PDB file of N, CA and C in Angstrom:
ATOM      1  N   MET A   1       9.209 -13.106   2.263  1.00  0.00           N
ATOM      2  CA  MET A   1       8.601 -12.344   1.208  1.00  0.00           C
ATOM      3  C   MET A   1       9.342 -12.612  -0.098  1.00  0.00           C
ATOM      4  N   GLY A   2       8.579 -12.794  -1.164  1.00  0.00           N
ATOM      5  CA  GLY A   2       9.193 -13.077  -2.454  1.00  0.00           C
ATOM      6  C   GLY A   2       9.658 -11.810  -3.144  1.00  0.00           C
ATOM      7  N   ASP A   3      10.006 -11.979  -4.415  1.00  0.00           N
ATOM      8  CA  ASP A   3      10.491 -10.844  -5.191  1.00  0.00           C
ATOM      9  C   ASP A   3       9.376  -9.881  -5.564  1.00  0.00           C
ATOM     10  N   VAL A   4       8.144 -10.371  -5.633  1.00  0.00           N
ATOM     11  CA  VAL A   4       7.030  -9.545  -6.069  1.00  0.00           C
ATOM     12  C   VAL A   4       6.637  -8.545  -4.987  1.00  0.00           C
ATOM     13  N   LEU A   5       6.572  -8.998  -3.748  1.00  0.00           N
ATOM     14  CA  LEU A   5       6.205  -8.144  -2.618  1.00  0.00           C
ATOM     15  C   LEU A   5       7.467  -7.868  -1.818  1.00  0.00           C
ATOM     16  N   GLN A   6       7.851  -6.586  -1.724  1.00  0.00           N
ATOM     17  CA  GLN A   6       9.111  -6.238  -1.087  1.00  0.00           C
ATOM     18  C   GLN A   6       8.909  -5.257   0.051  1.00  0.00           C
ATOM     19  N   GLU A   7       9.881  -5.237   0.951  1.00  0.00           N
ATOM     20  CA  GLU A   7       9.881  -4.276   2.057  1.00  0.00           C
ATOM     21  C   GLU A   7      10.417  -2.944   1.550  1.00  0.00           C
ATOM     22  N   VAL A   8       9.890  -1.861   2.104  1.00  0.00           N
ATOM     23  CA  VAL A   8      10.394  -0.521   1.820  1.00  0.00           C
ATOM     24  C   VAL A   8      10.671   0.130   3.172  1.00  0.00           C
ATOM     25  N   SER A   9      11.661   1.009   3.202  1.00  0.00           N
ATOM     26  CA  SER A   9      12.037   1.659   4.458  1.00  0.00           C
ATOM     27  C   SER A   9      11.955   3.180   4.300  1.00  0.00           C
ATOM     28  N   ASP A  10      12.117   3.863   5.435  1.00  0.00           N
ATOM     29  CA  ASP A  10      12.166   5.326   5.382  1.00  0.00           C
ATOM     30  C   ASP A  10      13.247   5.795   4.409  1.00  0.00           C
ATOM     31  N   GLN A  11      14.383   5.098   4.407  1.00  0.00           N
ATOM     32  CA  GLN A  11      15.531   5.514   3.605  1.00  0.00           C
ATOM     33  C   GLN A  11      15.294   5.376   2.101  1.00  0.00           C
ATOM     34  N   ASP A  12      14.519   4.358   1.680  1.00  0.00           N
ATOM     35  CA  ASP A  12      14.346   4.167   0.240  1.00  0.00           C
ATOM     36  C   ASP A  12      12.912   4.404  -0.241  1.00  0.00           C
ATOM     37  N   PHE A  13      12.064   4.993   0.610  1.00  0.00           N
ATOM     38  CA  PHE A  13      10.673   5.246   0.244  1.00  0.00           C
ATOM     39  C   PHE A  13      10.573   6.167  -0.975  1.00  0.00           C
ATOM     40  N   GLU A  14      11.300   7.263  -0.971  1.00  0.00           N
ATOM     41  CA  GLU A  14      11.212   8.209  -2.085  1.00  0.00           C
ATOM     42  C   GLU A  14      11.602   7.542  -3.396  1.00  0.00           C
ATOM     43  N   LYS A  15      12.697   6.806  -3.391  1.00  0.00           N
ATOM     44  CA  LYS A  15      13.180   6.152  -4.612  1.00  0.00           C
ATOM     45  C   LYS A  15      12.201   5.078  -5.090  1.00  0.00           C
ATOM     46  N   ASN A  16      11.744   4.222  -4.169  1.00  0.00           N
ATOM     47  CA  ASN A  16      10.921   3.074  -4.553  1.00  0.00           C
ATOM     48  C   ASN A  16       9.439   3.383  -4.724  1.00  0.00           C
ATOM     49  N   VAL A  17       8.967   4.479  -4.158  1.00  0.00           N
ATOM     50  CA  VAL A  17       7.548   4.809  -4.240  1.00  0.00           C
ATOM     51  C   VAL A  17       7.323   6.081  -5.050  1.00  0.00           C
ATOM     52  N   LEU A  18       7.857   7.180  -4.576  1.00  0.00           N
ATOM     53  CA  LEU A  18       7.569   8.469  -5.197  1.00  0.00           C
ATOM     54  C   LEU A  18       8.213   8.631  -6.569  1.00  0.00           C
ATOM     55  N   GLN A  19       9.337   7.945  -6.815  1.00  0.00           N
ATOM     56  CA  GLN A  19      10.013   8.043  -8.105  1.00  0.00           C
ATOM     57  C   GLN A  19       9.775   6.817  -8.988  1.00  0.00           C
ATOM     58  N   SER A  20       8.862   5.950  -8.592  1.00  0.00           N
ATOM     59  CA  SER A  20       8.596   4.726  -9.340  1.00  0.00           C
ATOM     60  C   SER A  20       7.939   5.026 -10.684  1.00  0.00           C
ATOM     61  N   ASP A  21       8.356   4.285 -11.709  1.00  0.00           N
ATOM     62  CA  ASP A  21       7.734   4.396 -13.023  1.00  0.00           C
ATOM     63  C   ASP A  21       6.358   3.730 -13.039  1.00  0.00           C
ATOM     64  N   LEU A  22       6.165   2.773 -12.141  1.00  0.00           N
ATOM     65  CA  LEU A  22       4.896   2.046 -12.042  1.00  0.00           C
ATOM     66  C   LEU A  22       4.056   2.612 -10.903  1.00  0.00           C
ATOM     67  N   PRO A  23       2.740   2.429 -10.967  1.00  0.00           N
ATOM     68  CA  PRO A  23       1.925   2.731  -9.782  1.00  0.00           C
ATOM     69  C   PRO A  23       2.390   1.841  -8.629  1.00  0.00           C
ATOM     70  N   VAL A  24       2.162   2.296  -7.398  1.00  0.00           N
ATOM     71  CA  VAL A  24       2.667   1.571  -6.226  1.00  0.00           C
ATOM     72  C   VAL A  24       1.565   1.437  -5.176  1.00  0.00           C
ATOM     73  N   LEU A  25       1.458   0.237  -4.603  1.00  0.00           N
ATOM     74  CA  LEU A  25       0.623  -0.004  -3.428  1.00  0.00           C
ATOM     75  C   LEU A  25       1.575  -0.212  -2.268  1.00  0.00           C
ATOM     76  N   VAL A  26       1.394   0.543  -1.181  1.00  0.00           N
ATOM     77  CA  VAL A  26       2.216   0.381   0.017  1.00  0.00           C
ATOM     78  C   VAL A  26       1.307  -0.058   1.162  1.00  0.00           C
ATOM     79  N   ASP A  27       1.646  -1.178   1.763  1.00  0.00           N
ATOM     80  CA  ASP A  27       0.936  -1.718   2.912  1.00  0.00           C
ATOM     81  C   ASP A  27       1.718  -1.329   4.164  1.00  0.00           C
ATOM     82  N   PHE A  28       1.197  -0.362   4.920  1.00  0.00           N
ATOM     83  CA  PHE A  28       1.807   0.029   6.193  1.00  0.00           C
ATOM     84  C   PHE A  28       1.247  -0.922   7.248  1.00  0.00           C
ATOM     85  N   TRP A  29       2.116  -1.672   7.920  1.00  0.00           N
ATOM     86  CA  TRP A  29       1.695  -2.732   8.822  1.00  0.00           C
ATOM     87  C   TRP A  29       2.595  -2.793  10.047  1.00  0.00           C
ATOM     88  N   ALA A  30       2.219  -3.651  10.984  1.00  0.00           N
ATOM     89  CA  ALA A  30       3.037  -3.919  12.170  1.00  0.00           C
ATOM     90  C   ALA A  30       2.889  -5.396  12.521  1.00  0.00           C
ATOM     91  N   PRO A  31       3.956  -6.017  13.044  1.00  0.00           N
ATOM     92  CA  PRO A  31       3.900  -7.454  13.335  1.00  0.00           C
ATOM     93  C   PRO A  31       2.884  -7.827  14.415  1.00  0.00           C
ATOM     94  N   TRP A  32       2.532  -6.916  15.290  1.00  0.00           N
ATOM     95  CA  TRP A  32       1.597  -7.191  16.372  1.00  0.00           C
ATOM     96  C   TRP A  32       0.140  -6.974  15.972  1.00  0.00           C
ATOM     97  N   CYS A  33      -0.099  -6.511  14.760  1.00  0.00           N
ATOM     98  CA  CYS A  33      -1.431  -6.104  14.292  1.00  0.00           C
ATOM     99  C   CYS A  33      -2.197  -7.277  13.688  1.00  0.00           C
ATOM    100  N   GLY A  34      -3.280  -7.677  14.346  1.00  0.00           N
ATOM    101  CA  GLY A  34      -4.108  -8.777  13.854  1.00  0.00           C
ATOM    102  C   GLY A  34      -4.701  -8.527  12.476  1.00  0.00           C
ATOM    103  N   PRO A  35      -5.351  -7.369  12.253  1.00  0.00           N
ATOM    104  CA  PRO A  35      -5.882  -7.105  10.914  1.00  0.00           C
ATOM    105  C   PRO A  35      -4.796  -7.066   9.828  1.00  0.00           C
ATOM    106  N   CYS A  36      -3.588  -6.641  10.206  1.00  0.00           N
ATOM    107  CA  CYS A  36      -2.476  -6.633   9.240  1.00  0.00           C
ATOM    108  C   CYS A  36      -2.168  -8.062   8.790  1.00  0.00           C
ATOM    109  N   LYS A  37      -2.187  -8.986   9.748  1.00  0.00           N
ATOM    110  CA  LYS A  37      -1.930 -10.388   9.412  1.00  0.00           C
ATOM    111  C   LYS A  37      -3.051 -10.950   8.549  1.00  0.00           C
ATOM    112  N   ALA A  38      -4.275 -10.488   8.787  1.00  0.00           N
ATOM    113  CA  ALA A  38      -5.414 -10.975   8.008  1.00  0.00           C
ATOM    114  C   ALA A  38      -5.400 -10.446   6.575  1.00  0.00           C
ATOM    115  N   ILE A  39      -4.992  -9.207   6.400  1.00  0.00           N
ATOM    116  CA  ILE A  39      -5.000  -8.596   5.068  1.00  0.00           C
ATOM    117  C   ILE A  39      -3.754  -8.991   4.266  1.00  0.00           C
ATOM    118  N   GLY A  40      -2.703  -9.412   4.945  1.00  0.00           N
ATOM    119  CA  GLY A  40      -1.444  -9.774   4.289  1.00  0.00           C
ATOM    120  C   GLY A  40      -1.585 -10.743   3.132  1.00  0.00           C
ATOM    121  N   PRO A  41      -2.305 -11.879   3.308  1.00  0.00           N
ATOM    122  CA  PRO A  41      -2.443 -12.820   2.190  1.00  0.00           C
ATOM    123  C   PRO A  41      -3.170 -12.226   0.981  1.00  0.00           C
ATOM    124  N   MET A  42      -4.107 -11.306   1.209  1.00  0.00           N
ATOM    125  CA  MET A  42      -4.779 -10.654   0.078  1.00  0.00           C
ATOM    126  C   MET A  42      -3.788  -9.801  -0.703  1.00  0.00           C
ATOM    127  N   ILE A  43      -2.934  -9.083   0.027  1.00  0.00           N
ATOM    128  CA  ILE A  43      -1.911  -8.244  -0.626  1.00  0.00           C
ATOM    129  C   ILE A  43      -0.934  -9.137  -1.400  1.00  0.00           C
ATOM    130  N   ASP A  44      -0.518 -10.243  -0.782  1.00  0.00           N
ATOM    131  CA  ASP A  44       0.392 -11.180  -1.457  1.00  0.00           C
ATOM    132  C   ASP A  44      -0.214 -11.680  -2.770  1.00  0.00           C
ATOM    133  N   ASN A  45      -1.493 -12.071  -2.715  1.00  0.00           N
ATOM    134  CA  ASN A  45      -2.167 -12.597  -3.887  1.00  0.00           C
ATOM    135  C   ASN A  45      -2.277 -11.550  -4.985  1.00  0.00           C
ATOM    136  N   LEU A  46      -2.647 -10.324  -4.606  1.00  0.00           N
ATOM    137  CA  LEU A  46      -2.741  -9.236  -5.593  1.00  0.00           C
ATOM    138  C   LEU A  46      -1.376  -8.921  -6.198  1.00  0.00           C
ATOM    139  N   ALA A  47      -0.338  -8.997  -5.380  1.00  0.00           N
ATOM    140  CA  ALA A  47       1.022  -8.734  -5.882  1.00  0.00           C
ATOM    141  C   ALA A  47       1.380  -9.727  -6.980  1.00  0.00           C
ATOM    142  N   ASN A  48       1.018 -10.979  -6.793  1.00  0.00           N
ATOM    143  CA  ASN A  48       1.288 -11.979  -7.825  1.00  0.00           C
ATOM    144  C   ASN A  48       0.403 -11.767  -9.048  1.00  0.00           C
ATOM    145  N   GLN A  49      -0.847 -11.417  -8.825  1.00  0.00           N
ATOM    146  CA  GLN A  49      -1.802 -11.224  -9.915  1.00  0.00           C
ATOM    147  C   GLN A  49      -1.428 -10.031 -10.798  1.00  0.00           C
ATOM    148  N   TYR A  50      -0.934  -8.954 -10.197  1.00  0.00           N
ATOM    149  CA  TYR A  50      -0.649  -7.725 -10.943  1.00  0.00           C
ATOM    150  C   TYR A  50       0.853  -7.476 -11.121  1.00  0.00           C
ATOM    151  N   GLU A  51       1.648  -8.517 -10.985  1.00  0.00           N
ATOM    152  CA  GLU A  51       3.101  -8.389 -11.124  1.00  0.00           C
ATOM    153  C   GLU A  51       3.459  -7.728 -12.451  1.00  0.00           C
ATOM    154  N   GLY A  52       4.363  -6.753 -12.363  1.00  0.00           N
ATOM    155  CA  GLY A  52       4.818  -6.058 -13.562  1.00  0.00           C
ATOM    156  C   GLY A  52       3.982  -4.847 -13.934  1.00  0.00           C
ATOM    157  N   ARG A  53       2.787  -4.730 -13.316  1.00  0.00           N
ATOM    158  CA  ARG A  53       1.918  -3.587 -13.626  1.00  0.00           C
ATOM    159  C   ARG A  53       1.821  -2.611 -12.460  1.00  0.00           C
ATOM    160  N   ILE A  54       1.988  -3.122 -11.255  1.00  0.00           N
ATOM    161  CA  ILE A  54       1.979  -2.314 -10.035  1.00  0.00           C
ATOM    162  C   ILE A  54       3.066  -2.855  -9.126  1.00  0.00           C
ATOM    163  N   ARG A  55       3.781  -1.960  -8.444  1.00  0.00           N
ATOM    164  CA  ARG A  55       4.753  -2.386  -7.424  1.00  0.00           C
ATOM    165  C   ARG A  55       4.000  -2.532  -6.110  1.00  0.00           C
ATOM    166  N   PHE A  56       4.253  -3.617  -5.414  1.00  0.00           N
ATOM    167  CA  PHE A  56       3.642  -3.881  -4.118  1.00  0.00           C
ATOM    168  C   PHE A  56       4.728  -3.873  -3.062  1.00  0.00           C
ATOM    169  N   LEU A  57       4.590  -2.962  -2.107  1.00  0.00           N
ATOM    170  CA  LEU A  57       5.592  -2.790  -1.059  1.00  0.00           C
ATOM    171  C   LEU A  57       4.926  -2.822   0.314  1.00  0.00           C
ATOM    172  N   LYS A  58       5.692  -3.275   1.307  1.00  0.00           N
ATOM    173  CA  LYS A  58       5.228  -3.289   2.694  1.00  0.00           C
ATOM    174  C   LYS A  58       6.191  -2.459   3.529  1.00  0.00           C
ATOM    175  N   MET A  59       5.633  -1.687   4.473  1.00  0.00           N
ATOM    176  CA  MET A  59       6.477  -0.921   5.383  1.00  0.00           C
ATOM    177  C   MET A  59       6.067  -1.241   6.809  1.00  0.00           C
ATOM    178  N   ASN A  60       7.016  -1.762   7.587  1.00  0.00           N
ATOM    179  CA  ASN A  60       6.809  -2.038   9.004  1.00  0.00           C
ATOM    180  C   ASN A  60       6.890  -0.698   9.742  1.00  0.00           C
ATOM    181  N   VAL A  61       5.761  -0.272  10.321  1.00  0.00           N
ATOM    182  CA  VAL A  61       5.715   1.047  10.955  1.00  0.00           C
ATOM    183  C   VAL A  61       6.477   1.091  12.274  1.00  0.00           C
ATOM    184  N   ASP A  62       6.770  -0.070  12.861  1.00  0.00           N
ATOM    185  CA  ASP A  62       7.579  -0.095  14.084  1.00  0.00           C
ATOM    186  C   ASP A  62       9.045   0.179  13.778  1.00  0.00           C
ATOM    187  N   ASP A  63       9.509  -0.292  12.622  1.00  0.00           N
ATOM    188  CA  ASP A  63      10.907  -0.119  12.229  1.00  0.00           C
ATOM    189  C   ASP A  63      11.143   1.173  11.451  1.00  0.00           C
ATOM    190  N   ASN A  64      10.099   1.741  10.903  1.00  0.00           N
ATOM    191  CA  ASN A  64      10.190   2.945  10.077  1.00  0.00           C
ATOM    192  C   ASN A  64       9.112   3.916  10.542  1.00  0.00           C
ATOM    193  N   THR A  65       9.504   4.949  11.259  1.00  0.00           N
ATOM    194  CA  THR A  65       8.509   5.853  11.838  1.00  0.00           C
ATOM    195  C   THR A  65       8.364   7.171  11.081  1.00  0.00           C
ATOM    196  N   ALA A  66       9.380   7.591  10.339  1.00  0.00           N
ATOM    197  CA  ALA A  66       9.346   8.898   9.687  1.00  0.00           C
ATOM    198  C   ALA A  66       8.304   8.963   8.566  1.00  0.00           C
ATOM    199  N   THR A  67       8.284   7.976   7.699  1.00  0.00           N
ATOM    200  CA  THR A  67       7.357   8.001   6.568  1.00  0.00           C
ATOM    201  C   THR A  67       5.904   7.934   7.021  1.00  0.00           C
ATOM    202  N   PRO A  68       5.541   6.967   7.889  1.00  0.00           N
ATOM    203  CA  PRO A  68       4.144   6.959   8.349  1.00  0.00           C
ATOM    204  C   PRO A  68       3.745   8.278   9.024  1.00  0.00           C
ATOM    205  N   ALA A  69       4.647   8.866   9.793  1.00  0.00           N
ATOM    206  CA  ALA A  69       4.348  10.146  10.446  1.00  0.00           C
ATOM    207  C   ALA A  69       4.137  11.248   9.413  1.00  0.00           C
ATOM    208  N   SER A  70       4.923  11.229   8.340  1.00  0.00           N
ATOM    209  CA  SER A  70       4.802  12.276   7.318  1.00  0.00           C
ATOM    210  C   SER A  70       3.459  12.202   6.593  1.00  0.00           C
ATOM    211  N   PHE A  71       2.848  11.017   6.558  1.00  0.00           N
ATOM    212  CA  PHE A  71       1.543  10.852   5.916  1.00  0.00           C
ATOM    213  C   PHE A  71       0.405  10.853   6.926  1.00  0.00           C
ATOM    214  N   GLY A  72       0.721  11.074   8.192  1.00  0.00           N
ATOM    215  CA  GLY A  72      -0.313  11.139   9.219  1.00  0.00           C
ATOM    216  C   GLY A  72      -0.960   9.811   9.534  1.00  0.00           C
ATOM    217  N   ILE A  73      -0.237   8.728   9.322  1.00  0.00           N
ATOM    218  CA  ILE A  73      -0.788   7.402   9.599  1.00  0.00           C
ATOM    219  C   ILE A  73      -0.830   7.192  11.105  1.00  0.00           C
ATOM    220  N   LYS A  74      -2.030   6.933  11.604  1.00  0.00           N
ATOM    221  CA  LYS A  74      -2.214   6.747  13.042  1.00  0.00           C
ATOM    222  C   LYS A  74      -2.668   5.333  13.385  1.00  0.00           C
ATOM    223  N   SER A  75      -3.070   4.549  12.384  1.00  0.00           N
ATOM    224  CA  SER A  75      -3.469   3.171  12.648  1.00  0.00           C
ATOM    225  C   SER A  75      -3.077   2.286  11.475  1.00  0.00           C
ATOM    226  N   VAL A  76      -2.926   1.019  11.767  1.00  0.00           N
ATOM    227  CA  VAL A  76      -2.576   0.029  10.758  1.00  0.00           C
ATOM    228  C   VAL A  76      -3.615  -1.086  10.795  1.00  0.00           C
ATOM    229  N   PRO A  77      -3.827  -1.745   9.681  1.00  0.00           N
ATOM    230  CA  PRO A  77      -3.176  -1.512   8.395  1.00  0.00           C
ATOM    231  C   PRO A  77      -3.703  -0.258   7.706  1.00  0.00           C
ATOM    232  N   THR A  78      -2.802   0.400   7.022  1.00  0.00           N
ATOM    233  CA  THR A  78      -3.161   1.490   6.110  1.00  0.00           C
ATOM    234  C   THR A  78      -2.552   1.131   4.763  1.00  0.00           C
ATOM    235  N   ILE A  79      -3.380   1.146   3.753  1.00  0.00           N
ATOM    236  CA  ILE A  79      -2.929   0.849   2.391  1.00  0.00           C
ATOM    237  C   ILE A  79      -2.975   2.158   1.616  1.00  0.00           C
ATOM    238  N   MET A  80      -1.855   2.515   1.012  1.00  0.00           N
ATOM    239  CA  MET A  80      -1.795   3.722   0.198  1.00  0.00           C
ATOM    240  C   MET A  80      -1.411   3.350  -1.226  1.00  0.00           C
ATOM    241  N   PHE A  81      -2.093   3.987  -2.165  1.00  0.00           N
ATOM    242  CA  PHE A  81      -1.833   3.799  -3.584  1.00  0.00           C
ATOM    243  C   PHE A  81      -1.212   5.080  -4.116  1.00  0.00           C
ATOM    244  N   PHE A  82      -0.094   4.943  -4.824  1.00  0.00           N
ATOM    245  CA  PHE A  82       0.603   6.100  -5.388  1.00  0.00           C
ATOM    246  C   PHE A  82       0.689   5.957  -6.898  1.00  0.00           C
ATOM    247  N   LYS A  83       0.566   7.094  -7.578  1.00  0.00           N
ATOM    248  CA  LYS A  83       0.724   7.125  -9.031  1.00  0.00           C
ATOM    249  C   LYS A  83       1.450   8.413  -9.387  1.00  0.00           C
ATOM    250  N   ASP A  84       2.506   8.283 -10.168  1.00  0.00           N
ATOM    251  CA  ASP A  84       3.309   9.441 -10.587  1.00  0.00           C
ATOM    252  C   ASP A  84       3.792  10.253  -9.394  1.00  0.00           C
ATOM    253  N   GLY A  85       4.135   9.573  -8.310  1.00  0.00           N
ATOM    254  CA  GLY A  85       4.674  10.233  -7.131  1.00  0.00           C
ATOM    255  C   GLY A  85       3.658  10.884  -6.222  1.00  0.00           C
ATOM    256  N   ASN A  86       2.386  10.737  -6.549  1.00  0.00           N
ATOM    257  CA  ASN A  86       1.332  11.366  -5.751  1.00  0.00           C
ATOM    258  C   ASN A  86       0.418  10.313  -5.127  1.00  0.00           C
ATOM    259  N   LEU A  87      -0.100  10.643  -3.961  1.00  0.00           N
ATOM    260  CA  LEU A  87      -1.053   9.763  -3.306  1.00  0.00           C
ATOM    261  C   LEU A  87      -2.320   9.716  -4.138  1.00  0.00           C
ATOM    262  N   PHE A  88      -2.734   8.524  -4.512  1.00  0.00           N
ATOM    263  CA  PHE A  88      -3.914   8.320  -5.357  1.00  0.00           C
ATOM    264  C   PHE A  88      -5.129   7.958  -4.507  1.00  0.00           C
ATOM    265  N   GLU A  89      -4.929   7.044  -3.558  1.00  0.00           N
ATOM    266  CA  GLU A  89      -6.019   6.604  -2.706  1.00  0.00           C
ATOM    267  C   GLU A  89      -5.445   6.009  -1.426  1.00  0.00           C
ATOM    268  N   GLN A  90      -6.253   6.014  -0.374  1.00  0.00           N
ATOM    269  CA  GLN A  90      -5.811   5.495   0.924  1.00  0.00           C
ATOM    270  C   GLN A  90      -6.962   4.741   1.568  1.00  0.00           C
ATOM    271  N   MET A  91      -6.630   3.600   2.164  1.00  0.00           N
ATOM    272  CA  MET A  91      -7.601   2.791   2.894  1.00  0.00           C
ATOM    273  C   MET A  91      -7.007   2.460   4.255  1.00  0.00           C
ATOM    274  N   THR A  92      -7.822   2.560   5.282  1.00  0.00           N
ATOM    275  CA  THR A  92      -7.346   2.249   6.628  1.00  0.00           C
ATOM    276  C   THR A  92      -8.269   1.220   7.254  1.00  0.00           C
ATOM    277  N   GLY A  93      -7.664   0.263   7.951  1.00  0.00           N
ATOM    278  CA  GLY A  93      -8.434  -0.780   8.617  1.00  0.00           C
ATOM    279  C   GLY A  93      -8.516  -2.027   7.762  1.00  0.00           C
ATOM    280  N   MET A  94      -9.297  -2.976   8.242  1.00  0.00           N
ATOM    281  CA  MET A  94      -9.471  -4.242   7.532  1.00  0.00           C
ATOM    282  C   MET A  94     -10.395  -4.020   6.342  1.00  0.00           C
ATOM    283  N   VAL A  95      -9.833  -4.079   5.153  1.00  0.00           N
ATOM    284  CA  VAL A  95     -10.615  -3.880   3.935  1.00  0.00           C
ATOM    285  C   VAL A  95     -10.816  -5.212   3.236  1.00  0.00           C
ATOM    286  N   THR A  96     -11.816  -5.274   2.403  1.00  0.00           N
ATOM    287  CA  THR A  96     -12.122  -6.504   1.683  1.00  0.00           C
ATOM    288  C   THR A  96     -11.282  -6.597   0.409  1.00  0.00           C
ATOM    289  N   ARG A  97     -11.151  -7.804  -0.081  1.00  0.00           N
ATOM    290  CA  ARG A  97     -10.438  -7.989  -1.337  1.00  0.00           C
ATOM    291  C   ARG A  97     -11.119  -7.244  -2.490  1.00  0.00           C
ATOM    292  N   PRO A  98     -12.468  -7.296  -2.603  1.00  0.00           N
ATOM    293  CA  PRO A  98     -13.101  -6.517  -3.679  1.00  0.00           C
ATOM    294  C   PRO A  98     -12.787  -5.016  -3.596  1.00  0.00           C
ATOM    295  N   ALA A  99     -12.710  -4.467  -2.402  1.00  0.00           N
ATOM    296  CA  ALA A  99     -12.371  -3.045  -2.261  1.00  0.00           C
ATOM    297  C   ALA A  99     -10.951  -2.780  -2.747  1.00  0.00           C
ATOM    298  N   LEU A 100     -10.030  -3.681  -2.399  1.00  0.00           N
ATOM    299  CA  LEU A 100      -8.649  -3.541  -2.872  1.00  0.00           C
ATOM    300  C   LEU A 100      -8.580  -3.667  -4.391  1.00  0.00           C
ATOM    301  N   GLU A 101      -9.288  -4.651  -4.941  1.00  0.00           N
ATOM    302  CA  GLU A 101      -9.267  -4.848  -6.393  1.00  0.00           C
ATOM    303  C   GLU A 101      -9.862  -3.656  -7.133  1.00  0.00           C
ATOM    304  N   THR A 102     -10.914  -3.063  -6.590  1.00  0.00           N
ATOM    305  CA  THR A 102     -11.506  -1.880  -7.208  1.00  0.00           C
ATOM    306  C   THR A 102     -10.496  -0.738  -7.246  1.00  0.00           C
ATOM    307  N   ALA A 103      -9.789  -0.530  -6.140  1.00  0.00           N
ATOM    308  CA  ALA A 103      -8.781   0.534  -6.091  1.00  0.00           C
ATOM    309  C   ALA A 103      -7.643   0.257  -7.072  1.00  0.00           C
ATOM    310  N   VAL A 104      -7.204  -0.999  -7.167  1.00  0.00           N
ATOM    311  CA  VAL A 104      -6.136  -1.370  -8.098  1.00  0.00           C
ATOM    312  C   VAL A 104      -6.592  -1.122  -9.534  1.00  0.00           C
ATOM    313  N   THR A 105      -7.812  -1.509  -9.855  1.00  0.00           N
ATOM    314  CA  THR A 105      -8.346  -1.314 -11.203  1.00  0.00           C
ATOM    315  C   THR A 105      -8.410   0.171 -11.554  1.00  0.00           C
ATOM    316  N   LYS A 106      -8.910   0.996 -10.635  1.00  0.00           N
ATOM    317  CA  LYS A 106      -8.974   2.442 -10.874  1.00  0.00           C
ATOM    318  C   LYS A 106      -7.582   3.016 -11.084  1.00  0.00           C
ATOM    319  N   LEU A 107      -6.622   2.540 -10.302  1.00  0.00           N
ATOM    320  CA  LEU A 107      -5.246   3.006 -10.417  1.00  0.00           C
ATOM    321  C   LEU A 107      -4.686   2.682 -11.802  1.00  0.00           C
ATOM    322  N   LEU A 108      -4.917   1.470 -12.270  1.00  0.00           N
ATOM    323  CA  LEU A 108      -4.404   1.040 -13.569  1.00  0.00           C
ATOM    324  C   LEU A 108      -5.124   1.704 -14.739  1.00  0.00           C
ATOM    325  N   GLU A 109      -6.409   1.963 -14.580  1.00  0.00           N
ATOM    326  CA  GLU A 109      -7.197   2.538 -15.668  1.00  0.00           C
ATOM    327  C   GLU A 109      -7.076   4.053 -15.758  1.00  0.00           C
ATOM    328  N   GLY A 110      -6.408   4.655 -14.771  1.00  0.00           N
ATOM    329  CA  GLY A 110      -6.243   6.093 -14.796  1.00  0.00           C
ATOM    330  C   GLY A 110      -7.478   6.855 -14.379  1.00  0.00           C
ATOM    331  N   ALA A 111      -8.381   6.179 -13.668  1.00  0.00           N
ATOM    332  CA  ALA A 111      -9.588   6.850 -13.177  1.00  0.00           C
ATOM    333  C   ALA A 111      -9.189   7.926 -12.175  1.00  0.00           C
ATOM    334  N   ALA A 112     -10.100   8.822 -11.929  1.00  0.00           N
ATOM    335  CA  ALA A 112      -9.841   9.871 -10.936  1.00  0.00           C
ATOM    336  C   ALA A 112      -9.725   9.235  -9.555  1.00  0.00           C
ATOM    337  N   PRO A 113      -8.787   9.708  -8.750  1.00  0.00           N
ATOM    338  CA  PRO A 113      -8.644   9.147  -7.422  1.00  0.00           C
ATOM    339  C   PRO A 113      -9.873   9.436  -6.572  1.00  0.00           C
ATOM    340  N   ALA A 114     -10.168   8.495  -5.688  1.00  0.00           N
ATOM    341  CA  ALA A 114     -11.258   8.705  -4.742  1.00  0.00           C
ATOM    342  C   ALA A 114     -10.723   9.518  -3.592  1.00  0.00           C
ATOM    343  N   SER A 115     -11.609  10.195  -2.913  1.00  0.00           N
ATOM    344  CA  SER A 115     -11.133  10.834  -1.701  1.00  0.00           C
ATOM    345  C   SER A 115     -10.845   9.703  -0.721  1.00  0.00           C
ATOM    346  N   PRO A 116      -9.791   9.859   0.093  1.00  0.00           N
ATOM    347  CA  PRO A 116      -9.443   8.791   1.025  1.00  0.00           C
ATOM    348  C   PRO A 116     -10.628   8.441   1.903  1.00  0.00           C
ATOM    349  N   PHE A 117     -10.790   7.157   2.144  1.00  0.00           N
ATOM    350  CA  PHE A 117     -11.881   6.718   2.997  1.00  0.00           C
ATOM    351  C   PHE A 117     -11.368   5.748   4.048  1.00  0.00           C
ATOM    352  N   VAL A 118     -12.160   5.572   5.074  1.00  0.00           N
ATOM    353  CA  VAL A 118     -11.779   4.723   6.186  1.00  0.00           C
ATOM    354  C   VAL A 118     -12.794   3.586   6.286  1.00  0.00           C
ATOM    355  N   VAL A 119     -12.315   2.373   6.422  1.00  0.00           N
ATOM    356  CA  VAL A 119     -13.165   1.210   6.653  1.00  0.00           C
ATOM    357  C   VAL A 119     -12.848   0.707   8.039  1.00  0.00           C
ATOM    358  N   GLN A 120     -13.861   0.654   8.896  1.00  0.00           N
ATOM    359  CA  GLN A 120     -13.628   0.173  10.251  1.00  0.00           C
ATOM    360  C   GLN A 120     -14.519  -0.985  10.589  1.00  0.00           C
TER     361      GLN A 120
END
């Protein structure tokens, strides 16, 4: 993983996500998860495209169990968007790049958050 897309852990989640000056996208994933591997390159590409405007972080749910449990994450991939320390939007399952880009655009433009939705 490069400098643009970084790992986050239970120990530094609050500092790197909830206290971030920038909006944050967190990709909750697991190494055994096929859809996680499929969505990974889209997240990598978006991280490069929006570098400096949004922080892009990944959390391995096998190595970090407290944070996913605190947010009620029961399946991966789950993508969560945070702004000003608050959950802005959440997507679960294999999502399309246009869906991710729409959420990123809304996050940057200050649009009202959508109610969390599930894509299966």
